[in-house]
């Protein structure tokens, strides 16, 4: 495993890429309301990414046909936007996207409520988000990678939720997916020792029911095996000599 350590110059490029991506997400969040189509969100997302000087890194990645992965309700990740896919009151919608700026990638995901949602759905969104913050308590130089994984998984499972095992977070930099893989569940072994300059895309994917998932016939969309809701929360994180820096989340 070759985990890249970013130089100060590279870190500054990562910061800028991530700052631009956060701006795109802030713009898209304002669009989410009943009646909009997932295709409209994707088109606006691509327009915003290109307007800020970025390139959508998901578009055509391993054949993916859109710029924004948009997943509804029981869809875990990699939902494909469609013109006829209308977002309804009470849905939860996950956006996962990234961009390339000056050769460096950024990546983030959020799950949003659509209008008024159930208490169950809101709790899942909140726990998924908090599981990320439980994990990054260990995103520090000298800690081990799987301490992050264990903290995420233990927190989410304490609510009876299923933590997806078939998909993980990842390193990120000049490539969208770099070493290491970052599980969201308790693992055997401690994993690599974290060092300053590592940049990680940490992304809990949490299901209201079983952890098991299935792929739809489009070979992209991942859904919960039992039809339960799923939520997703992701940031690009920099390991430092002190507290981690969340590059896709302004302070």
C-alpha atoms as a PDB file:
ATOM      1  CA  UNK A   1       0.000   0.000   0.000  1.00  0.00           C
ATOM      2  CA  UNK A   2       1.391   3.391  -1.045  1.00  0.00           C
ATOM      3  CA  UNK A   3      -0.353   6.221   0.790  1.00  0.00           C
ATOM      4  CA  UNK A   4       0.657   9.618  -0.573  1.00  0.00           C
ATOM      5  CA  UNK A   5       1.861  12.339   1.781  1.00  0.00           C
ATOM      6  CA  UNK A   6       0.968  15.751   0.408  1.00  0.00           C
ATOM      7  CA  UNK A   7       3.421  18.645   0.446  1.00  0.00           C
ATOM      8  CA  UNK A   8       2.403  22.096   1.688  1.00  0.00           C
ATOM      9  CA  UNK A   9       1.894  23.158  -1.940  1.00  0.00           C
ATOM     10  CA  UNK A  10      -0.279  20.151  -2.681  1.00  0.00           C
ATOM     11  CA  UNK A  11      -2.310  20.676   0.476  1.00  0.00           C
ATOM     12  CA  UNK A  12      -3.082  24.223  -0.593  1.00  0.00           C
ATOM     13  CA  UNK A  13      -4.347  22.907  -3.939  1.00  0.00           C
ATOM     14  CA  UNK A  14      -6.492  20.342  -2.110  1.00  0.00           C
ATOM     15  CA  UNK A  15      -7.922  23.105   0.096  1.00  0.00           C
ATOM     16  CA  UNK A  16      -8.941  25.136  -2.948  1.00  0.00           C
ATOM     17  CA  UNK A  17     -10.526  22.178  -4.727  1.00  0.00           C
ATOM     18  CA  UNK A  18     -12.489  21.309  -1.591  1.00  0.00           C
ATOM     19  CA  UNK A  19     -13.549  24.914  -0.968  1.00  0.00           C
ATOM     20  CA  UNK A  20     -14.989  25.121  -4.472  1.00  0.00           C
ATOM     21  CA  UNK A  21     -16.829  21.824  -4.050  1.00  0.00           C
ATOM     22  CA  UNK A  22     -18.404  22.959  -0.790  1.00  0.00           C
ATOM     23  CA  UNK A  23     -19.698  26.017  -2.628  1.00  0.00           C
ATOM     24  CA  UNK A  24     -21.314  23.786  -5.252  1.00  0.00           C
ATOM     25  CA  UNK A  25     -23.037  21.743  -2.534  1.00  0.00           C
ATOM     26  CA  UNK A  26     -24.295  24.875  -0.786  1.00  0.00           C
ATOM     27  CA  UNK A  27     -25.841  25.958  -4.076  1.00  0.00           C
ATOM     28  CA  UNK A  28     -27.447  22.566  -4.777  1.00  0.00           C
ATOM     29  CA  UNK A  29     -28.856  22.302  -1.245  1.00  0.00           C
ATOM     30  CA  UNK A  30     -31.072  25.326  -1.971  1.00  0.00           C
ATOM     31  CA  UNK A  31     -32.604  23.520  -4.980  1.00  0.00           C
ATOM     32  CA  UNK A  32     -33.836  20.489  -3.091  1.00  0.00           C
ATOM     33  CA  UNK A  33     -37.614  20.633  -2.836  1.00  0.00           C
ATOM     34  CA  UNK A  34     -40.567  18.499  -3.911  1.00  0.00           C
ATOM     35  CA  UNK A  35     -41.085  18.469  -7.680  1.00  0.00           C
ATOM     36  CA  UNK A  36     -37.506  18.893  -8.839  1.00  0.00           C
ATOM     37  CA  UNK A  37     -35.987  16.072 -10.864  1.00  0.00           C
ATOM     38  CA  UNK A  38     -32.683  14.411 -10.115  1.00  0.00           C
ATOM     39  CA  UNK A  39     -31.626  15.272 -13.669  1.00  0.00           C
ATOM     40  CA  UNK A  40     -32.128  19.000 -12.986  1.00  0.00           C
ATOM     41  CA  UNK A  41     -29.945  18.769  -9.873  1.00  0.00           C
ATOM     42  CA  UNK A  42     -27.220  16.991 -11.826  1.00  0.00           C
ATOM     43  CA  UNK A  43     -27.284  19.516 -14.666  1.00  0.00           C
ATOM     44  CA  UNK A  44     -27.070  22.435 -12.245  1.00  0.00           C
ATOM     45  CA  UNK A  45     -24.264  20.719 -10.371  1.00  0.00           C
ATOM     46  CA  UNK A  46     -22.185  20.240 -13.508  1.00  0.00           C
ATOM     47  CA  UNK A  47     -22.797  23.844 -14.535  1.00  0.00           C
ATOM     48  CA  UNK A  48     -21.644  25.126 -11.130  1.00  0.00           C
ATOM     49  CA  UNK A  49     -18.545  22.911 -11.108  1.00  0.00           C
ATOM     50  CA  UNK A  50     -17.470  24.167 -14.524  1.00  0.00           C
ATOM     51  CA  UNK A  51     -18.347  27.789 -13.679  1.00  0.00           C
ATOM     52  CA  UNK A  52     -15.871  27.791 -10.792  1.00  0.00           C
ATOM     53  CA  UNK A  53     -13.120  26.418 -13.038  1.00  0.00           C
ATOM     54  CA  UNK A  54     -13.418  22.789 -11.971  1.00  0.00           C
ATOM     55  CA  UNK A  55     -14.007  19.559 -13.840  1.00  0.00           C
ATOM     56  CA  UNK A  56     -16.609  17.064 -12.555  1.00  0.00           C
ATOM     57  CA  UNK A  57     -14.532  14.049 -11.556  1.00  0.00           C
ATOM     58  CA  UNK A  58     -17.457  11.623 -11.400  1.00  0.00           C
ATOM     59  CA  UNK A  59     -18.550  12.245 -15.005  1.00  0.00           C
ATOM     60  CA  UNK A  60     -17.494   9.203 -17.105  1.00  0.00           C
ATOM     61  CA  UNK A  61     -15.442   7.821 -14.185  1.00  0.00           C
ATOM     62  CA  UNK A  62     -15.367   4.081 -14.942  1.00  0.00           C
ATOM     63  CA  UNK A  63     -18.359   4.779 -17.170  1.00  0.00           C
ATOM     64  CA  UNK A  64     -20.581   6.660 -14.708  1.00  0.00           C
ATOM     65  CA  UNK A  65     -22.889   8.809 -16.880  1.00  0.00           C
ATOM     66  CA  UNK A  66     -23.445  11.901 -14.690  1.00  0.00           C
ATOM     67  CA  UNK A  67     -21.642  14.530 -12.617  1.00  0.00           C
ATOM     68  CA  UNK A  68     -23.588  14.122  -9.354  1.00  0.00           C
ATOM     69  CA  UNK A  69     -24.485  10.769  -7.803  1.00  0.00           C
ATOM     70  CA  UNK A  70     -28.071  11.208  -6.579  1.00  0.00           C
ATOM     71  CA  UNK A  71     -29.613   8.504  -4.414  1.00  0.00           C
ATOM     72  CA  UNK A  72     -33.139   8.488  -2.970  1.00  0.00           C
ATOM     73  CA  UNK A  73     -34.463   6.726   0.126  1.00  0.00           C
ATOM     74  CA  UNK A  74     -33.283   3.081   0.015  1.00  0.00           C
ATOM     75  CA  UNK A  75     -30.535   3.896  -2.498  1.00  0.00           C
ATOM     76  CA  UNK A  76     -27.198   3.896  -0.704  1.00  0.00           C
ATOM     77  CA  UNK A  77     -24.906   5.445  -3.326  1.00  0.00           C
ATOM     78  CA  UNK A  78     -24.293   5.926  -7.061  1.00  0.00           C
ATOM     79  CA  UNK A  79     -27.876   6.607  -8.078  1.00  0.00           C
ATOM     80  CA  UNK A  80     -28.042   7.829 -11.678  1.00  0.00           C
ATOM     81  CA  UNK A  81     -29.928  11.115 -12.290  1.00  0.00           C
ATOM     82  CA  UNK A  82     -32.878  10.804 -14.672  1.00  0.00           C
ATOM     83  CA  UNK A  83     -35.183  13.336 -16.346  1.00  0.00           C
ATOM     84  CA  UNK A  84     -38.293  11.531 -15.123  1.00  0.00           C
ATOM     85  CA  UNK A  85     -37.096  10.983 -11.548  1.00  0.00           C
ATOM     86  CA  UNK A  86     -39.119  13.472  -9.497  1.00  0.00           C
ATOM     87  CA  UNK A  87     -38.210  14.155  -5.889  1.00  0.00           C
ATOM     88  CA  UNK A  88     -41.212  13.843  -3.557  1.00  0.00           C
ATOM     89  CA  UNK A  89     -42.188  15.348  -0.221  1.00  0.00           C
ATOM     90  CA  UNK A  90     -40.905  13.077   2.547  1.00  0.00           C
ATOM     91  CA  UNK A  91     -38.014  11.639   0.535  1.00  0.00           C
ATOM     92  CA  UNK A  92     -34.425  11.742   1.697  1.00  0.00           C
ATOM     93  CA  UNK A  93     -31.889  12.479  -1.012  1.00  0.00           C
ATOM     94  CA  UNK A  94     -28.141  11.863  -0.984  1.00  0.00           C
ATOM     95  CA  UNK A  95     -25.796  13.881  -3.187  1.00  0.00           C
ATOM     96  CA  UNK A  96     -22.249  12.604  -3.710  1.00  0.00           C
ATOM     97  CA  UNK A  97     -19.893  14.529  -5.970  1.00  0.00           C
ATOM     98  CA  UNK A  98     -16.396  15.824  -6.506  1.00  0.00           C
ATOM     99  CA  UNK A  99     -14.372  18.023  -8.766  1.00  0.00           C
ATOM    100  CA  UNK A 100     -10.838  18.427 -10.063  1.00  0.00           C
ATOM    101  CA  UNK A 101      -9.144  21.810  -9.730  1.00  0.00           C
ATOM    102  CA  UNK A 102      -5.519  22.385 -10.717  1.00  0.00           C
ATOM    103  CA  UNK A 103      -5.042  18.619 -10.889  1.00  0.00           C
ATOM    104  CA  UNK A 104      -6.372  17.815  -7.405  1.00  0.00           C
ATOM    105  CA  UNK A 105      -9.579  16.024  -6.482  1.00  0.00           C
ATOM    106  CA  UNK A 106     -12.182  16.782  -3.841  1.00  0.00           C
ATOM    107  CA  UNK A 107     -15.066  14.569  -2.744  1.00  0.00           C
ATOM    108  CA  UNK A 108     -18.032  14.992  -0.397  1.00  0.00           C
ATOM    109  CA  UNK A 109     -21.555  13.707   0.230  1.00  0.00           C
ATOM    110  CA  UNK A 110     -24.617  14.830   2.150  1.00  0.00           C
ATOM    111  CA  UNK A 111     -28.108  13.443   2.755  1.00  0.00           C
ATOM    112  CA  UNK A 112     -30.879  16.052   2.776  1.00  0.00           C
ATOM    113  CA  UNK A 113     -34.546  15.941   3.795  1.00  0.00           C
ATOM    114  CA  UNK A 114     -37.127  16.803   1.138  1.00  0.00           C
ATOM    115  CA  UNK A 115     -39.770  18.917   2.834  1.00  0.00           C
ATOM    116  CA  UNK A 116     -41.188  17.325   5.973  1.00  0.00           C
ATOM    117  CA  UNK A 117     -39.732  13.876   6.633  1.00  0.00           C
ATOM    118  CA  UNK A 118     -40.372  11.222   9.252  1.00  0.00           C
ATOM    119  CA  UNK A 119     -38.662  11.286  12.633  1.00  0.00           C
ATOM    120  CA  UNK A 120     -37.081   7.943  11.716  1.00  0.00           C
ATOM    121  CA  UNK A 121     -35.553   9.409   8.553  1.00  0.00           C
ATOM    122  CA  UNK A 122     -34.240  12.501  10.342  1.00  0.00           C
ATOM    123  CA  UNK A 123     -32.671  10.374  13.069  1.00  0.00           C
ATOM    124  CA  UNK A 124     -30.868   8.275  10.450  1.00  0.00           C
ATOM    125  CA  UNK A 125     -29.484  11.418   8.781  1.00  0.00           C
ATOM    126  CA  UNK A 126     -28.346  12.828  12.130  1.00  0.00           C
ATOM    127  CA  UNK A 127     -26.708   9.607  13.337  1.00  0.00           C
ATOM    128  CA  UNK A 128     -24.906   9.129  10.024  1.00  0.00           C
ATOM    129  CA  UNK A 129     -23.486  12.640  10.222  1.00  0.00           C
ATOM    130  CA  UNK A 130     -22.460  12.218  13.852  1.00  0.00           C
ATOM    131  CA  UNK A 131     -20.803   8.877  13.101  1.00  0.00           C
ATOM    132  CA  UNK A 132     -18.394  10.782  10.851  1.00  0.00           C
ATOM    133  CA  UNK A 133     -17.499  13.134  13.698  1.00  0.00           C
ATOM    134  CA  UNK A 134     -17.058  10.201  16.079  1.00  0.00           C
ATOM    135  CA  UNK A 135     -14.628   8.708  13.566  1.00  0.00           C
ATOM    136  CA  UNK A 136     -12.496  11.786  13.009  1.00  0.00           C
ATOM    137  CA  UNK A 137     -11.726  12.007  16.706  1.00  0.00           C
ATOM    138  CA  UNK A 138      -9.081   9.451  15.679  1.00  0.00           C
ATOM    139  CA  UNK A 139      -8.049  11.162  12.422  1.00  0.00           C
ATOM    140  CA  UNK A 140      -4.821  12.309  14.018  1.00  0.00           C
ATOM    141  CA  UNK A 141      -1.154  11.668  13.411  1.00  0.00           C
ATOM    142  CA  UNK A 142      -0.070   8.657  15.449  1.00  0.00           C
ATOM    143  CA  UNK A 143      -3.518   7.057  15.540  1.00  0.00           C
ATOM    144  CA  UNK A 144      -4.304   4.058  13.355  1.00  0.00           C
ATOM    145  CA  UNK A 145      -6.709   4.049  10.420  1.00  0.00           C
ATOM    146  CA  UNK A 146      -9.024   1.409  11.798  1.00  0.00           C
ATOM    147  CA  UNK A 147      -9.582   3.439  14.950  1.00  0.00           C
ATOM    148  CA  UNK A 148     -11.580   5.759  12.691  1.00  0.00           C
ATOM    149  CA  UNK A 149     -13.438   2.766  11.254  1.00  0.00           C
ATOM    150  CA  UNK A 150     -14.261   1.303  14.661  1.00  0.00           C
ATOM    151  CA  UNK A 151     -15.528   4.601  16.052  1.00  0.00           C
ATOM    152  CA  UNK A 152     -17.864   5.126  13.082  1.00  0.00           C
ATOM    153  CA  UNK A 153     -19.231   1.595  13.153  1.00  0.00           C
ATOM    154  CA  UNK A 154     -19.615   1.317  16.913  1.00  0.00           C
ATOM    155  CA  UNK A 155     -21.534   4.585  17.117  1.00  0.00           C
ATOM    156  CA  UNK A 156     -23.925   3.775  14.250  1.00  0.00           C
ATOM    157  CA  UNK A 157     -24.539   0.220  15.417  1.00  0.00           C
ATOM    158  CA  UNK A 158     -25.406   1.455  18.913  1.00  0.00           C
ATOM    159  CA  UNK A 159     -28.629   2.767  17.340  1.00  0.00           C
ATOM    160  CA  UNK A 160     -29.388  -0.589  15.733  1.00  0.00           C
ATOM    161  CA  UNK A 161     -28.376   0.585  12.280  1.00  0.00           C
ATOM    162  CA  UNK A 162     -26.546  -1.430   9.630  1.00  0.00           C
ATOM    163  CA  UNK A 163     -23.122  -0.189   8.532  1.00  0.00           C
ATOM    164  CA  UNK A 164     -22.443  -0.898   4.859  1.00  0.00           C
ATOM    165  CA  UNK A 165     -19.453  -3.209   4.413  1.00  0.00           C
ATOM    166  CA  UNK A 166     -19.277  -3.523   0.632  1.00  0.00           C
ATOM    167  CA  UNK A 167     -18.239   0.111   0.116  1.00  0.00           C
ATOM    168  CA  UNK A 168     -15.599   2.179   1.890  1.00  0.00           C
ATOM    169  CA  UNK A 169     -13.960   5.564   2.034  1.00  0.00           C
ATOM    170  CA  UNK A 170     -10.588   6.139   0.396  1.00  0.00           C
ATOM    171  CA  UNK A 171      -7.495   8.226   0.060  1.00  0.00           C
ATOM    172  CA  UNK A 172      -7.707  11.142  -2.366  1.00  0.00           C
ATOM    173  CA  UNK A 173      -5.343  13.535  -4.132  1.00  0.00           C
ATOM    174  CA  UNK A 174      -4.223  13.589  -7.760  1.00  0.00           C
ATOM    175  CA  UNK A 175      -6.564  10.611  -8.184  1.00  0.00           C
ATOM    176  CA  UNK A 176     -10.146  10.328  -6.976  1.00  0.00           C
ATOM    177  CA  UNK A 177      -9.457   6.975  -5.319  1.00  0.00           C
ATOM    178  CA  UNK A 178      -6.062   6.430  -3.726  1.00  0.00           C
ATOM    179  CA  UNK A 179      -4.824   4.173  -0.949  1.00  0.00           C
ATOM    180  CA  UNK A 180      -5.916   3.487   1.724  1.00  0.00           C
ATOM    181  CA  UNK A 181      -9.401   2.029   1.774  1.00  0.00           C
ATOM    182  CA  UNK A 182     -11.273   3.327   4.827  1.00  0.00           C
ATOM    183  CA  UNK A 183     -13.910   0.927   6.195  1.00  0.00           C
ATOM    184  CA  UNK A 184     -16.758   2.261   8.315  1.00  0.00           C
ATOM    185  CA  UNK A 185     -16.977  -0.788  10.569  1.00  0.00           C
ATOM    186  CA  UNK A 186     -14.907  -2.558  13.196  1.00  0.00           C
ATOM    187  CA  UNK A 187     -11.977  -4.327  11.535  1.00  0.00           C
ATOM    188  CA  UNK A 188      -9.376  -6.864  12.533  1.00  0.00           C
ATOM    189  CA  UNK A 189      -6.029  -5.183  13.028  1.00  0.00           C
ATOM    190  CA  UNK A 190      -5.289  -1.526  13.571  1.00  0.00           C
ATOM    191  CA  UNK A 191      -4.563  -0.483  10.007  1.00  0.00           C
ATOM    192  CA  UNK A 192      -1.844   1.948   8.960  1.00  0.00           C
ATOM    193  CA  UNK A 193      -0.454   4.612  11.285  1.00  0.00           C
ATOM    194  CA  UNK A 194      -1.734   8.032  10.241  1.00  0.00           C
ATOM    195  CA  UNK A 195       0.777  10.712   9.262  1.00  0.00           C
ATOM    196  CA  UNK A 196       0.537  14.454   8.634  1.00  0.00           C
ATOM    197  CA  UNK A 197      -0.145  15.214   4.969  1.00  0.00           C
ATOM    198  CA  UNK A 198      -2.470  12.281   4.342  1.00  0.00           C
ATOM    199  CA  UNK A 199      -5.763  13.277   2.718  1.00  0.00           C
ATOM    200  CA  UNK A 200      -8.707  10.953   3.265  1.00  0.00           C
ATOM    201  CA  UNK A 201     -12.290  10.824   1.999  1.00  0.00           C
ATOM    202  CA  UNK A 202     -14.133   9.487   5.046  1.00  0.00           C
ATOM    203  CA  UNK A 203     -17.726   8.543   4.234  1.00  0.00           C
ATOM    204  CA  UNK A 204     -20.089   6.624   6.507  1.00  0.00           C
ATOM    205  CA  UNK A 205     -22.920   4.891   4.621  1.00  0.00           C
ATOM    206  CA  UNK A 206     -25.504   3.842   7.196  1.00  0.00           C
ATOM    207  CA  UNK A 207     -28.716   1.853   6.705  1.00  0.00           C
ATOM    208  CA  UNK A 208     -31.800   1.900   8.907  1.00  0.00           C
ATOM    209  CA  UNK A 209     -31.980  -1.897   8.594  1.00  0.00           C
ATOM    210  CA  UNK A 210     -29.500  -4.530   7.479  1.00  0.00           C
ATOM    211  CA  UNK A 211     -25.964  -3.635   6.402  1.00  0.00           C
ATOM    212  CA  UNK A 212     -26.393  -5.779   3.300  1.00  0.00           C
ATOM    213  CA  UNK A 213     -26.780  -4.137  -0.098  1.00  0.00           C
ATOM    214  CA  UNK A 214     -27.556  -5.042  -3.697  1.00  0.00           C
ATOM    215  CA  UNK A 215     -26.656  -3.567  -7.075  1.00  0.00           C
ATOM    216  CA  UNK A 216     -29.441  -2.714  -9.528  1.00  0.00           C
ATOM    217  CA  UNK A 217     -29.346  -3.765 -13.155  1.00  0.00           C
ATOM    218  CA  UNK A 218     -27.775  -0.447 -14.187  1.00  0.00           C
ATOM    219  CA  UNK A 219     -24.583  -1.766 -12.485  1.00  0.00           C
ATOM    220  CA  UNK A 220     -24.247   1.477 -10.514  1.00  0.00           C
ATOM    221  CA  UNK A 221     -27.111   2.085  -8.122  1.00  0.00           C
ATOM    222  CA  UNK A 222     -26.555   0.402  -4.750  1.00  0.00           C
ATOM    223  CA  UNK A 223     -29.687  -0.208  -2.653  1.00  0.00           C
ATOM    224  CA  UNK A 224     -30.369  -1.651   0.778  1.00  0.00           C
ATOM    225  CA  UNK A 225     -31.159  -5.366   0.597  1.00  0.00           C
ATOM    226  CA  UNK A 226     -34.255  -4.967   2.785  1.00  0.00           C
ATOM    227  CA  UNK A 227     -35.604  -1.728   1.290  1.00  0.00           C
ATOM    228  CA  UNK A 228     -34.804   0.323   4.420  1.00  0.00           C
ATOM    229  CA  UNK A 229     -33.632   3.920   4.211  1.00  0.00           C
ATOM    230  CA  UNK A 230     -29.948   4.764   3.838  1.00  0.00           C
ATOM    231  CA  UNK A 231     -27.944   7.932   4.526  1.00  0.00           C
ATOM    232  CA  UNK A 232     -24.474   9.105   3.486  1.00  0.00           C
ATOM    233  CA  UNK A 233     -22.114  11.739   4.875  1.00  0.00           C
ATOM    234  CA  UNK A 234     -18.634  12.410   3.501  1.00  0.00           C
ATOM    235  CA  UNK A 235     -15.849  14.942   3.781  1.00  0.00           C
ATOM    236  CA  UNK A 236     -12.303  15.192   2.496  1.00  0.00           C
ATOM    237  CA  UNK A 237     -10.062  15.347   5.569  1.00  0.00           C
ATOM    238  CA  UNK A 238      -6.420  16.360   6.044  1.00  0.00           C
ATOM    239  CA  UNK A 239      -4.315  14.677   8.734  1.00  0.00           C
ATOM    240  CA  UNK A 240      -2.169  17.286  10.512  1.00  0.00           C
ATOM    241  CA  UNK A 241       0.153  17.436  13.517  1.00  0.00           C
ATOM    242  CA  UNK A 242      -2.918  18.381  15.570  1.00  0.00           C
ATOM    243  CA  UNK A 243      -6.661  18.329  14.962  1.00  0.00           C
ATOM    244  CA  UNK A 244      -7.779  17.057  11.540  1.00  0.00           C
ATOM    245  CA  UNK A 245      -8.738  19.703   8.985  1.00  0.00           C
ATOM    246  CA  UNK A 246     -12.063  19.056   7.277  1.00  0.00           C
ATOM    247  CA  UNK A 247     -11.344  20.487   3.856  1.00  0.00           C
ATOM    248  CA  UNK A 248     -14.934  20.330   2.564  1.00  0.00           C
ATOM    249  CA  UNK A 249     -16.507  21.948   5.635  1.00  0.00           C
ATOM    250  CA  UNK A 250     -15.997  25.619   6.429  1.00  0.00           C
ATOM    251  CA  UNK A 251     -15.457  26.551  10.049  1.00  0.00           C
END
